[in-house]
C-alpha atoms as a PDB file:
ATOM      1  CA  MET A   1     104.846 -20.345 -39.650  1.00  0.00           C
ATOM      2  CA  GLY A   2     102.296 -21.851 -37.278  1.00  0.00           C
ATOM      3  CA  ARG A   3      99.728 -20.119 -35.409  1.00  0.00           C
ATOM      4  CA  ARG A   4     100.725 -19.148 -31.895  1.00  0.00           C
ATOM      5  CA  LYS A   5      98.655 -20.597 -28.998  1.00  0.00           C
ATOM      6  CA  LYS A   6      96.508 -18.108 -27.378  1.00  0.00           C
ATOM      7  CA  ARG A   7      97.418 -17.552 -23.725  1.00  0.00           C
ATOM      8  CA  ALA A   8      95.460 -15.644 -21.125  1.00  0.00           C
ATOM      9  CA  PRO A   9      95.333 -15.323 -17.447  1.00  0.00           C
ATOM     10  CA  ARG A  10      92.797 -17.384 -15.475  1.00  0.00           C
ATOM     11  CA  ARG A  11      89.491 -15.743 -14.946  1.00  0.00           C
ATOM     12  CA  GLY A  12      88.246 -15.748 -11.342  1.00  0.00           C
ATOM     13  CA  SER A  13      89.953 -16.412  -8.072  1.00  0.00           C
ATOM     14  CA  LEU A  14      90.139 -19.939  -6.644  1.00  0.00           C
ATOM     15  CA  ALA A  15      90.751 -18.475  -3.122  1.00  0.00           C
ATOM     16  CA  PHE A  16      87.049 -18.736  -2.118  1.00  0.00           C
ATOM     17  CA  ILE A  17      86.152 -22.302  -3.464  1.00  0.00           C
ATOM     18  CA  PRO A  18      83.599 -23.671  -2.746  1.00  0.00           C
ATOM     19  CA  ARG A  19      81.384 -20.801  -3.216  1.00  0.00           C
ATOM     20  CA  GLY A  20      78.467 -22.079  -1.200  1.00  0.00           C
ATOM     21  CA  ARG A  21      75.752 -20.240   0.639  1.00  0.00           C
ATOM     22  CA  ALA A  22      76.642 -19.066   4.144  1.00  0.00           C
ATOM     23  CA  GLU A  23      75.165 -21.228   7.004  1.00  0.00           C
ATOM     24  CA  SER A  24      73.514 -18.177   8.598  1.00  0.00           C
ATOM     25  CA  ILE A  25      72.680 -14.577   7.706  1.00  0.00           C
ATOM     26  CA  LYS A  26      74.467 -13.687  10.953  1.00  0.00           C
ATOM     27  CA  PRO A  27      78.164 -13.687  10.367  1.00  0.00           C
ATOM     28  CA  SER A  28      80.532 -15.731  12.543  1.00  0.00           C
ATOM     29  CA  ILE A  29      84.018 -14.667  13.855  1.00  0.00           C
ATOM     30  CA  LYS A  30      86.474 -17.629  13.467  1.00  0.00           C
ATOM     31  CA  TYR A  31      89.512 -15.870  14.814  1.00  0.00           C
ATOM     32  CA  TRP A  32      89.886 -13.324  17.635  1.00  0.00           C
ATOM     33  CA  PRO A  33      93.187 -11.427  17.835  1.00  0.00           C
ATOM     34  CA  ASP A  34      95.093 -10.447  21.008  1.00  0.00           C
ATOM     35  CA  PRO A  35      95.880  -6.752  20.698  1.00  0.00           C
ATOM     36  CA  PRO A  36      98.184  -4.993  23.292  1.00  0.00           C
ATOM     37  CA  LEU A  37      95.458  -3.198  25.283  1.00  0.00           C
ATOM     38  CA  ALA A  38      96.179  -1.526  28.551  1.00  0.00           C
ATOM     39  CA  LYS A  39      92.945  -2.705  30.092  1.00  0.00           C
ATOM     40  CA  PRO A  40      90.295  -5.296  29.512  1.00  0.00           C
ATOM     41  CA  SER A  41      87.846  -4.529  26.546  1.00  0.00           C
ATOM     42  CA  LEU A  42      85.537  -6.045  24.178  1.00  0.00           C
ATOM     43  CA  LEU A  43      87.224  -7.004  20.816  1.00  0.00           C
ATOM     44  CA  GLY A  44      84.124  -6.670  18.661  1.00  0.00           C
ATOM     45  CA  PHE A  45      81.037  -4.870  18.271  1.00  0.00           C
ATOM     46  CA  PRO A  46      77.852  -5.614  16.077  1.00  0.00           C
ATOM     47  CA  GLY A  47      76.119  -3.115  13.706  1.00  0.00           C
ATOM     48  CA  TYR A  48      73.825  -2.956  10.722  1.00  0.00           C
ATOM     49  CA  LYS A  49      74.904  -1.569   7.586  1.00  0.00           C
ATOM     50  CA  ALA A  50      73.002   1.661   6.585  1.00  0.00           C
ATOM     51  CA  GLY A  51      74.472   2.868   3.209  1.00  0.00           C
ATOM     52  CA  MET A  52      77.144   4.754   1.603  1.00  0.00           C
ATOM     53  CA  THR A  53      78.293   8.332   1.161  1.00  0.00           C
ATOM     54  CA  HIS A  54      81.585  10.160   0.546  1.00  0.00           C
ATOM     55  CA  VAL A  55      83.431  12.569   2.720  1.00  0.00           C
ATOM     56  CA  PHE A  56      86.147  15.241   2.264  1.00  0.00           C
ATOM     57  CA  MET A  57      88.894  14.981   4.826  1.00  0.00           C
ATOM     58  CA  VAL A  58      92.625  15.952   5.254  1.00  0.00           C
ATOM     59  CA  GLU A  59      94.819  13.105   4.264  1.00  0.00           C
ATOM     60  CA  ASP A  60      97.011  12.124   7.221  1.00  0.00           C
ATOM     61  CA  GLU A  61      98.362   8.722   5.941  1.00  0.00           C
ATOM     62  CA  PRO A  62     101.782   8.561   4.353  1.00  0.00           C
ATOM     63  CA  THR A  63     100.625   8.878   0.656  1.00  0.00           C
ATOM     64  CA  ILE A  64     101.457  11.579  -1.947  1.00  0.00           C
ATOM     65  CA  TYR A  65      98.347  13.479  -1.064  1.00  0.00           C
ATOM     66  CA  LYS A  66      99.278  13.887   2.793  1.00  0.00           C
ATOM     67  CA  GLY A  67      98.320  17.201   4.112  1.00  0.00           C
ATOM     68  CA  ARG A  68      95.839  17.827   1.217  1.00  0.00           C
ATOM     69  CA  GLU A  69      91.962  17.555   1.203  1.00  0.00           C
ATOM     70  CA  VAL A  70      90.805  14.362  -0.648  1.00  0.00           C
ATOM     71  CA  CYS A  71      87.595  12.662  -1.169  1.00  0.00           C
ATOM     72  CA  HIS A  72      86.901   9.105   0.091  1.00  0.00           C
ATOM     73  CA  PRO A  73      83.906   6.907  -0.160  1.00  0.00           C
ATOM     74  CA  ALA A  74      82.514   5.890   3.295  1.00  0.00           C
ATOM     75  CA  THR A  75      80.113   3.461   4.752  1.00  0.00           C
ATOM     76  CA  ILE A  76      77.643   4.220   7.449  1.00  0.00           C
ATOM     77  CA  VAL A  77      76.974   1.490  10.120  1.00  0.00           C
ATOM     78  CA  ALA A  78      74.228   1.872  12.661  1.00  0.00           C
ATOM     79  CA  THR A  79      75.584   0.798  16.040  1.00  0.00           C
ATOM     80  CA  PRO A  80      72.880   0.800  18.641  1.00  0.00           C
ATOM     81  CA  PRO A  81      73.850  -0.016  22.291  1.00  0.00           C
ATOM     82  CA  VAL A  82      74.031  -3.665  23.054  1.00  0.00           C
ATOM     83  CA  LYS A  83      73.236  -5.523  26.262  1.00  0.00           C
ATOM     84  CA  VAL A  84      75.776  -8.057  27.825  1.00  0.00           C
ATOM     85  CA  MET A  85      73.445 -10.977  28.271  1.00  0.00           C
ATOM     86  CA  ALA A  86      75.891 -13.718  29.537  1.00  0.00           C
ATOM     87  CA  VAL A  87      79.578 -14.422  30.518  1.00  0.00           C
ATOM     88  CA  ARG A  88      81.086 -17.667  29.276  1.00  0.00           C
ATOM     89  CA  LEU A  89      84.358 -19.264  30.157  1.00  0.00           C
ATOM     90  CA  TYR A  90      86.328 -21.684  28.070  1.00  0.00           C
ATOM     91  CA  ALA A  91      89.075 -23.941  28.739  1.00  0.00           C
ATOM     92  CA  ASP A  92      92.083 -24.223  26.397  1.00  0.00           C
ATOM     93  CA  THR A  93      92.533 -27.858  25.580  1.00  0.00           C
ATOM     94  CA  ILE A  94      94.675 -29.871  22.930  1.00  0.00           C
ATOM     95  CA  ASP A  95      91.318 -30.369  21.170  1.00  0.00           C
ATOM     96  CA  GLY A  96      90.495 -26.546  21.152  1.00  0.00           C
ATOM     97  CA  LEU A  97      88.424 -24.457  23.208  1.00  0.00           C
ATOM     98  CA  LYS A  98      85.848 -26.295  25.596  1.00  0.00           C
ATOM     99  CA  THR A  99      83.070 -24.535  27.543  1.00  0.00           C
ATOM    100  CA  LEU A 100      83.608 -24.560  31.244  1.00  0.00           C
ATOM    101  CA  THR A 101      80.530 -22.733  32.304  1.00  0.00           C
ATOM    102  CA  GLU A 102      78.381 -19.594  31.745  1.00  0.00           C
ATOM    103  CA  VAL A 103      76.177 -17.326  33.653  1.00  0.00           C
ATOM    104  CA  TRP A 104      73.107 -15.363  32.164  1.00  0.00           C
ATOM    105  CA  HIS A 105      71.817 -12.137  33.902  1.00  0.00           C
ATOM    106  CA  PRO A 106      68.443 -13.035  35.359  1.00  0.00           C
ATOM    107  CA  ASN A 107      66.642  -9.962  34.180  1.00  0.00           C
ATOM    108  CA  LEU A 108      68.002 -10.269  30.417  1.00  0.00           C
ATOM    109  CA  ILE A 109      67.547 -14.023  29.959  1.00  0.00           C
ATOM    110  CA  LYS A 110      63.756 -13.415  29.703  1.00  0.00           C
ATOM    111  CA  ASP A 111      64.303 -11.307  26.473  1.00  0.00           C
ATOM    112  CA  VAL A 112      65.742 -14.251  24.385  1.00  0.00           C
ATOM    113  CA  TRP A 113      62.507 -16.251  24.316  1.00  0.00           C
ATOM    114  CA  ARG A 114      62.462 -15.704  20.586  1.00  0.00           C
ATOM    115  CA  ASN A 115      65.996 -17.176  20.244  1.00  0.00           C
ATOM    116  CA  PHE A 116      65.438 -20.262  22.539  1.00  0.00           C
ATOM    117  CA  ASN A 117      63.372 -21.741  25.156  1.00  0.00           C
ATOM    118  CA  VAL A 118      63.953 -19.877  28.348  1.00  0.00           C
ATOM    119  CA  PRO A 119      63.966 -21.907  31.641  1.00  0.00           C
ATOM    120  CA  LYS A 120      61.194 -21.181  34.174  1.00  0.00           C
ATOM    121  CA  GLU A 121      63.589 -20.912  36.968  1.00  0.00           C
ATOM    122  CA  TYR A 122      67.295 -19.764  36.827  1.00  0.00           C
ATOM    123  CA  ASP A 123      69.527 -19.893  39.833  1.00  0.00           C
ATOM    124  CA  PHE A 124      71.753 -16.915  39.335  1.00  0.00           C
ATOM    125  CA  GLN A 125      73.800 -17.105  42.342  1.00  0.00           C
ATOM    126  CA  SER A 126      74.773 -20.606  41.897  1.00  0.00           C
ATOM    127  CA  LYS A 127      75.961 -19.836  38.315  1.00  0.00           C
ATOM    128  CA  LEU A 128      78.087 -17.107  39.618  1.00  0.00           C
ATOM    129  CA  ARG A 129      79.756 -19.535  42.209  1.00  0.00           C
ATOM    130  CA  GLU A 130      80.399 -21.898  39.155  1.00  0.00           C
ATOM    131  CA  VAL A 131      82.157 -19.152  37.429  1.00  0.00           C
ATOM    132  CA  GLU A 132      84.332 -18.370  40.521  1.00  0.00           C
ATOM    133  CA  GLU A 133      85.240 -22.034  40.909  1.00  0.00           C
ATOM    134  CA  ALA A 134      86.117 -22.325  37.240  1.00  0.00           C
ATOM    135  CA  ARG A 135      88.287 -19.148  37.245  1.00  0.00           C
ATOM    136  CA  SER A 136      91.614 -21.107  37.738  1.00  0.00           C
ATOM    137  CA  PHE A 137      90.878 -23.443  34.975  1.00  0.00           C
ATOM    138  CA  ALA A 138      89.737 -20.932  32.384  1.00  0.00           C
ATOM    139  CA  GLY A 139      91.913 -19.994  29.391  1.00  0.00           C
ATOM    140  CA  GLU A 140      89.522 -17.584  27.786  1.00  0.00           C
ATOM    141  CA  VAL A 141      86.496 -15.344  28.648  1.00  0.00           C
ATOM    142  CA  ARG A 142      83.814 -14.282  26.141  1.00  0.00           C
ATOM    143  CA  VAL A 143      80.594 -12.340  26.546  1.00  0.00           C
ATOM    144  CA  ILE A 144      77.236 -12.742  24.685  1.00  0.00           C
ATOM    145  CA  LEU A 145      75.831  -9.564  23.343  1.00  0.00           C
ATOM    146  CA  GLY A 146      72.322  -8.981  22.495  1.00  0.00           C
ATOM    147  CA  ALA A 147      71.838  -6.536  19.643  1.00  0.00           C
ATOM    148  CA  SER A 148      68.212  -5.306  19.111  1.00  0.00           C
ATOM    149  CA  PRO A 149      67.424  -4.399  15.480  1.00  0.00           C
ATOM    150  CA  LYS A 150      64.500  -2.290  16.434  1.00  0.00           C
ATOM    151  CA  LEU A 151      66.886   0.173  18.111  1.00  0.00           C
ATOM    152  CA  ALA A 152      68.385   0.644  14.737  1.00  0.00           C
ATOM    153  CA  GLY A 153      64.986   1.327  13.062  1.00  0.00           C
ATOM    154  CA  LEU A 154      64.591  -2.148  11.566  1.00  0.00           C
ATOM    155  CA  SER A 155      61.337  -4.154  11.825  1.00  0.00           C
ATOM    156  CA  LYS A 156      63.019  -7.232  13.182  1.00  0.00           C
ATOM    157  CA  LYS A 157      61.928  -8.318  16.732  1.00  0.00           C
ATOM    158  CA  LYS A 158      64.335 -11.028  17.345  1.00  0.00           C
ATOM    159  CA  LEU A 159      67.565 -10.271  19.112  1.00  0.00           C
ATOM    160  CA  ASP A 160      70.891 -10.882  17.385  1.00  0.00           C
ATOM    161  CA  LEU A 161      73.057 -12.814  19.942  1.00  0.00           C
ATOM    162  CA  ILE A 162      76.806 -12.278  19.311  1.00  0.00           C
ATOM    163  CA  GLU A 163      79.621 -13.984  21.140  1.00  0.00           C
ATOM    164  CA  VAL A 164      82.545 -11.572  21.625  1.00  0.00           C
ATOM    165  CA  ARG A 165      85.925 -12.282  23.075  1.00  0.00           C
ATOM    166  CA  VAL A 166      87.275 -10.069  25.929  1.00  0.00           C
ATOM    167  CA  GLY A 167      91.007  -9.012  25.574  1.00  0.00           C
ATOM    168  CA  GLY A 168      93.468  -6.867  27.280  1.00  0.00           C
ATOM    169  CA  GLY A 169      95.056  -7.184  30.648  1.00  0.00           C
ATOM    170  CA  GLY A 170      95.395 -10.528  32.450  1.00  0.00           C
ATOM    171  CA  LEU A 171      92.844 -13.445  32.407  1.00  0.00           C
ATOM    172  CA  SER A 172      91.689 -12.604  35.991  1.00  0.00           C
ATOM    173  CA  GLU A 173      91.164  -9.036  35.012  1.00  0.00           C
ATOM    174  CA  ARG A 174      89.162 -10.005  31.877  1.00  0.00           C
ATOM    175  CA  ILE A 175      86.905 -12.112  34.047  1.00  0.00           C
ATOM    176  CA  ASP A 176      86.412  -9.299  36.485  1.00  0.00           C
ATOM    177  CA  TYR A 177      85.633  -6.841  33.706  1.00  0.00           C
ATOM    178  CA  ALA A 178      83.103  -9.309  32.087  1.00  0.00           C
ATOM    179  CA  LEU A 179      81.216  -9.854  35.225  1.00  0.00           C
ATOM    180  CA  SER A 180      81.242  -6.047  35.992  1.00  0.00           C
ATOM    181  CA  ILE A 181      79.446  -5.310  32.778  1.00  0.00           C
ATOM    182  CA  LEU A 182      77.076  -8.265  32.921  1.00  0.00           C
ATOM    183  CA  GLY A 183      73.485  -6.910  32.455  1.00  0.00           C
ATOM    184  CA  SER A 184      74.550  -3.403  31.484  1.00  0.00           C
ATOM    185  CA  GLU A 185      74.632  -1.540  28.098  1.00  0.00           C
ATOM    186  CA  VAL A 186      77.781  -1.213  26.123  1.00  0.00           C
ATOM    187  CA  ARG A 187      78.007   1.588  23.400  1.00  0.00           C
ATOM    188  CA  VAL A 188      80.504   1.394  20.349  1.00  0.00           C
ATOM    189  CA  GLY A 189      82.400   4.386  21.743  1.00  0.00           C
ATOM    190  CA  GLU A 190      83.480   2.255  24.633  1.00  0.00           C
ATOM    191  CA  VAL A 191      84.950  -0.303  22.334  1.00  0.00           C
ATOM    192  CA  PHE A 192      86.393   1.516  19.310  1.00  0.00           C
ATOM    193  CA  LYS A 193      87.893   5.005  18.912  1.00  0.00           C
ATOM    194  CA  PRO A 194      88.015   7.128  15.686  1.00  0.00           C
ATOM    195  CA  GLY A 195      91.221   6.650  13.620  1.00  0.00           C
ATOM    196  CA  LEU A 196      91.625   2.933  14.472  1.00  0.00           C
ATOM    197  CA  TYR A 197      91.388   0.109  12.027  1.00  0.00           C
ATOM    198  CA  VAL A 198      88.743  -2.739  12.221  1.00  0.00           C
ATOM    199  CA  ASP A 199      88.008  -5.894  10.385  1.00  0.00           C
ATOM    200  CA  VAL A 200      84.317  -6.252   9.107  1.00  0.00           C
ATOM    201  CA  SER A 201      82.688  -9.616   8.729  1.00  0.00           C
ATOM    202  CA  ALA A 202      79.377  -9.947   6.961  1.00  0.00           C
ATOM    203  CA  VAL A 203      77.366 -12.037   4.577  1.00  0.00           C
ATOM    204  CA  THR A 204      77.545 -10.579   0.957  1.00  0.00           C
ATOM    205  CA  LYS A 205      74.520  -9.869  -1.180  1.00  0.00           C
ATOM    206  CA  GLY A 206      72.861 -13.004  -2.501  1.00  0.00           C
ATOM    207  CA  LYS A 207      72.623 -13.345  -6.329  1.00  0.00           C
ATOM    208  CA  GLY A 208      71.250 -16.795  -6.650  1.00  0.00           C
ATOM    209  CA  PHE A 209      72.262 -19.462  -9.220  1.00  0.00           C
ATOM    210  CA  GLN A 210      74.297 -17.985 -12.087  1.00  0.00           C
ATOM    211  CA  GLY A 211      76.230 -19.189 -15.011  1.00  0.00           C
ATOM    212  CA  GLU A 212      79.977 -19.280 -15.841  1.00  0.00           C
ATOM    213  CA  ILE A 213      80.024 -15.845 -17.410  1.00  0.00           C
ATOM    214  CA  LYS A 214      78.690 -13.891 -14.459  1.00  0.00           C
ATOM    215  CA  ARG A 215      80.121 -16.123 -11.667  1.00  0.00           C
ATOM    216  CA  TRP A 216      83.811 -16.508 -13.176  1.00  0.00           C
ATOM    217  CA  HIS A 217      83.875 -13.671 -15.723  1.00  0.00           C
ATOM    218  CA  VAL A 218      85.126 -15.850 -18.415  1.00  0.00           C
ATOM    219  CA  HIS A 219      84.849 -14.590 -22.042  1.00  0.00           C
ATOM    220  CA  ARG A 220      82.002 -15.597 -24.372  1.00  0.00           C
ATOM    221  CA  LEU A 221      82.933 -18.111 -26.994  1.00  0.00           C
ATOM    222  CA  PRO A 222      82.594 -17.250 -30.702  1.00  0.00           C
ATOM    223  CA  HIS A 223      79.153 -16.725 -32.066  1.00  0.00           C
ATOM    224  CA  LYS A 224      79.547 -19.794 -34.379  1.00  0.00           C
ATOM    225  CA  THR A 225      79.860 -22.193 -31.384  1.00  0.00           C
ATOM    226  CA  ARG A 226      77.298 -24.924 -31.835  1.00  0.00           C
ATOM    227  CA  GLU A 227      76.696 -25.639 -27.933  1.00  0.00           C
ATOM    228  CA  GLY A 228      76.135 -22.112 -26.956  1.00  0.00           C
ATOM    229  CA  VAL A 229      78.448 -19.208 -26.266  1.00  0.00           C
ATOM    230  CA  ARG A 230      77.844 -18.452 -22.650  1.00  0.00           C
ATOM    231  CA  GLY A 231      80.059 -21.277 -21.233  1.00  0.00           C
ATOM    232  CA  VAL A 232      83.579 -22.567 -21.217  1.00  0.00           C
ATOM    233  CA  GLY A 233      85.055 -24.253 -24.283  1.00  0.00           C
ATOM    234  CA  THR A 234      86.072 -27.469 -22.641  1.00  0.00           C
ATOM    235  CA  LEU A 235      85.620 -29.111 -19.241  1.00  0.00           C
ATOM    236  CA  GLY A 236      89.078 -30.449 -19.247  1.00  0.00           C
ATOM    237  CA  PRO A 237      91.421 -33.155 -20.638  1.00  0.00           C
ATOM    238  CA  TRP A 238      90.592 -36.893 -20.817  1.00  0.00           C
ATOM    239  CA  THR A 239      93.165 -37.512 -18.081  1.00  0.00           C
ATOM    240  CA  PRO A 240      92.157 -37.149 -15.324  1.00  0.00           C
ATOM    241  CA  ALA A 241      88.754 -38.497 -16.337  1.00  0.00           C
ATOM    242  CA  ARG A 242      86.805 -36.103 -14.167  1.00  0.00           C
ATOM    243  CA  VAL A 243      85.869 -32.299 -14.072  1.00  0.00           C
ATOM    244  CA  MET A 244      88.533 -30.601 -12.031  1.00  0.00           C
ATOM    245  CA  TYR A 245      87.572 -28.029  -9.400  1.00  0.00           C
ATOM    246  CA  THR A 246      89.409 -25.323 -11.308  1.00  0.00           C
ATOM    247  CA  VAL A 247      87.154 -25.361 -14.315  1.00  0.00           C
ATOM    248  CA  PRO A 248      84.550 -22.601 -14.091  1.00  0.00           C
ATOM    249  CA  ARG A 249      81.067 -23.938 -13.482  1.00  0.00           C
ATOM    250  CA  PRO A 250      77.718 -22.513 -12.874  1.00  0.00           C
ATOM    251  CA  GLY A 251      76.374 -22.412  -9.267  1.00  0.00           C
ATOM    252  CA  GLN A 252      75.726 -20.237  -6.243  1.00  0.00           C
ATOM    253  CA  LEU A 253      76.939 -16.576  -6.464  1.00  0.00           C
ATOM    254  CA  GLY A 254      76.768 -14.212  -3.491  1.00  0.00           C
ATOM    255  CA  PHE A 255      75.484 -14.867   0.083  1.00  0.00           C
ATOM    256  CA  HIS A 256      79.069 -15.872   1.116  1.00  0.00           C
ATOM    257  CA  LEU A 257      80.497 -15.183   4.572  1.00  0.00           C
ATOM    258  CA  ARG A 258      83.470 -12.624   3.921  1.00  0.00           C
ATOM    259  CA  CYS A 259      85.808 -10.568   6.029  1.00  0.00           C
ATOM    260  CA  GLU A 260      87.492  -7.385   4.856  1.00  0.00           C
ATOM    261  CA  TYR A 261      90.364  -6.337   6.661  1.00  0.00           C
ATOM    262  CA  ASN A 262      91.772  -2.996   7.842  1.00  0.00           C
ATOM    263  CA  LYS A 263      88.787  -0.570   7.501  1.00  0.00           C
ATOM    264  CA  ARG A 264      89.575   2.756   9.042  1.00  0.00           C
ATOM    265  CA  ILE A 265      87.080   4.359  11.441  1.00  0.00           C
ATOM    266  CA  LEU A 266      86.575   7.906  10.235  1.00  0.00           C
ATOM    267  CA  MET A 267      83.962   9.147  12.875  1.00  0.00           C
ATOM    268  CA  ILE A 268      81.854   7.752  15.693  1.00  0.00           C
ATOM    269  CA  GLY A 269      78.876   9.827  16.408  1.00  0.00           C
ATOM    270  CA  SER A 270      75.399   9.815  18.212  1.00  0.00           C
ATOM    271  CA  ASP A 271      73.598  12.408  16.213  1.00  0.00           C
ATOM    272  CA  GLY A 272      72.269  10.698  13.027  1.00  0.00           C
ATOM    273  CA  SER A 273      71.337  13.955  11.384  1.00  0.00           C
ATOM    274  CA  GLN A 274      75.092  14.463  10.550  1.00  0.00           C
ATOM    275  CA  VAL A 275      75.026  11.666   8.110  1.00  0.00           C
ATOM    276  CA  THR A 276      71.388  11.006   7.336  1.00  0.00           C
ATOM    277  CA  PRO A 277      70.111  12.859   4.168  1.00  0.00           C
ATOM    278  CA  PRO A 278      66.644  14.583   4.024  1.00  0.00           C
ATOM    279  CA  GLY A 279      64.050  11.773   3.931  1.00  0.00           C
ATOM    280  CA  GLY A 280      66.444   9.043   5.301  1.00  0.00           C
ATOM    281  CA  ILE A 281      69.003   6.798   3.691  1.00  0.00           C
ATOM    282  CA  THR A 282      67.568   4.911   0.649  1.00  0.00           C
ATOM    283  CA  GLY A 283      66.623   1.415   1.703  1.00  0.00           C
ATOM    284  CA  PHE A 284      67.280   2.027   5.409  1.00  0.00           C
ATOM    285  CA  GLY A 285      65.656   5.166   6.795  1.00  0.00           C
ATOM    286  CA  ILE A 286      66.807   7.636   9.311  1.00  0.00           C
ATOM    287  CA  ILE A 287      69.902   6.838  11.665  1.00  0.00           C
ATOM    288  CA  SER A 288      68.302   7.399  15.190  1.00  0.00           C
ATOM    289  CA  THR A 289      71.055   5.779  17.109  1.00  0.00           C
ATOM    290  CA  ASP A 290      74.828   5.617  17.482  1.00  0.00           C
ATOM    291  CA  TYR A 291      76.589   5.109  14.237  1.00  0.00           C
ATOM    292  CA  ILE A 292      80.159   4.503  12.809  1.00  0.00           C
ATOM    293  CA  LEU A 293      81.675   5.840   9.704  1.00  0.00           C
ATOM    294  CA  LEU A 294      84.091   3.417   7.949  1.00  0.00           C
ATOM    295  CA  LYS A 295      86.406   4.408   5.049  1.00  0.00           C
ATOM    296  CA  GLY A 296      85.602   2.491   1.909  1.00  0.00           C
ATOM    297  CA  SER A 297      82.958  -0.152   1.340  1.00  0.00           C
ATOM    298  CA  ILE A 298      82.117  -3.315   3.361  1.00  0.00           C
ATOM    299  CA  PRO A 299      80.369  -6.584   2.240  1.00  0.00           C
ATOM    300  CA  GLY A 300      76.546  -7.003   2.703  1.00  0.00           C
ATOM    301  CA  SER A 301      73.334  -5.278   1.765  1.00  0.00           C
ATOM    302  CA  ARG A 302      71.555  -2.582   3.520  1.00  0.00           C
ATOM    303  CA  LYS A 303      70.091  -3.567   6.892  1.00  0.00           C
ATOM    304  CA  ARG A 304      72.404  -6.571   7.091  1.00  0.00           C
ATOM    305  CA  LEU A 305      74.174  -7.572  10.409  1.00  0.00           C
ATOM    306  CA  VAL A 306      77.909  -6.906  10.391  1.00  0.00           C
ATOM    307  CA  ILE A 307      80.472  -7.536  13.087  1.00  0.00           C
ATOM    308  CA  LEU A 308      83.355  -5.095  13.643  1.00  0.00           C
ATOM    309  CA  ARG A 309      86.406  -6.590  15.123  1.00  0.00           C
ATOM    310  CA  TYR A 310      89.833  -5.380  16.208  1.00  0.00           C
ATOM    311  CA  PRO A 311      92.250  -6.122  13.185  1.00  0.00           C
ATOM    312  CA  ALA A 312      93.929  -9.503  12.920  1.00  0.00           C
ATOM    313  CA  ARG A 313      96.835  -8.145  10.863  1.00  0.00           C
ATOM    314  CA  PRO A 314      96.943  -4.327  11.218  1.00  0.00           C
ATOM    315  CA  PRO A 315      98.958  -2.478   8.695  1.00  0.00           C
ATOM    316  CA  SER A 316     102.507  -1.675   9.621  1.00  0.00           C
ATOM    317  CA  MET A 317     102.159   1.998   9.110  1.00  0.00           C
ATOM    318  CA  ILE A 318      99.071   3.317  10.703  1.00  0.00           C
ATOM    319  CA  THR A 319      97.678   6.515  12.023  1.00  0.00           C
ATOM    320  CA  THR A 320      95.748   6.168  15.401  1.00  0.00           C
ATOM    321  CA  GLU A 321      94.597   9.719  15.663  1.00  0.00           C
ATOM    322  CA  PRO A 322      91.089  10.613  14.242  1.00  0.00           C
ATOM    323  CA  PRO A 323      91.024  12.183  10.818  1.00  0.00           C
ATOM    324  CA  LYS A 324      90.014  15.790  10.213  1.00  0.00           C
ATOM    325  CA  ILE A 325      86.790  15.709   8.232  1.00  0.00           C
ATOM    326  CA  THR A 326      85.775  18.885   6.468  1.00  0.00           C
ATOM    327  CA  TYR A 327      82.566  17.724   4.810  1.00  0.00           C
ATOM    328  CA  ILE A 328      80.070  14.890   4.758  1.00  0.00           C
ATOM    329  CA  TYR A 329      77.709  14.405   1.902  1.00  0.00           C
ATOM    330  CA  ARG A 330      74.187  14.128   2.896  1.00  0.00           C
ATOM    331  CA  GLY A 331      72.432  14.341  -0.394  1.00  0.00           C
ATOM    332  CA  GLY A 332      70.743  17.402  -2.226  1.00  0.00           C
END
């Protein structure tokens, strides 16, 4: 009786190939949903990951623990107020979205000199007229938000400019809403409410150049292998005469752009002492601004910029009411 061939499931997922470094530490949103909102609103909001804790809450989702007190891990995201720097109109063409025009607030465009060269003279009224003339040709409206890391307690001086789509209502109502908030501050409580679900986009922790064992979780070879044990046994067959992309190979691990879906908002607050332990959060410090508490973990390291977005594929059975939180762990 011959020896049976060993079979095992594949190690590592091919869904994220190529595992290359992100283009920027600032995440980018490639898709904006169109939720059924009653009135125009921003569909996203930036924040800075502070750390994790755990909370005790009354389970209100349809699980076997519904109505009982359960413990869940939670992530604290510092969400300082952002300023609406500009309004941008897009035309929906067969080749995708094309920029029609944009208008920057005259008092705020001076604050972005660290991001790009600011014009010495800026005609705000003429840009407003261009927006009104392009209103009939527009297919989508977005705003450019300026997030200040210093408000979150970080040492970074350069503003983080984020482009966010405006949703809800008709297109004309969206343009009017975007122009009405141009130059003003927007807080996270005006965009999201506790109990809702959001998608979180961020750049994951960078781990540098790693081998097959750590990068793809393949098993070590027998100790008598001549060419080393921390690698794969073969790079593939003779035909095709090349190394296929499915073969685990060493390379970059981490610092990838990732989006995690359907993270529930447990709480939105403005008093950081409710979630900040004595002495501050390790690696971040004291929460001195608005914050949002998300159920579960999110990608990225502490102090990293994250973008919260309305869910692209919300769960079918969701609870929109805010959960009843009985205890938040603050250390000690």
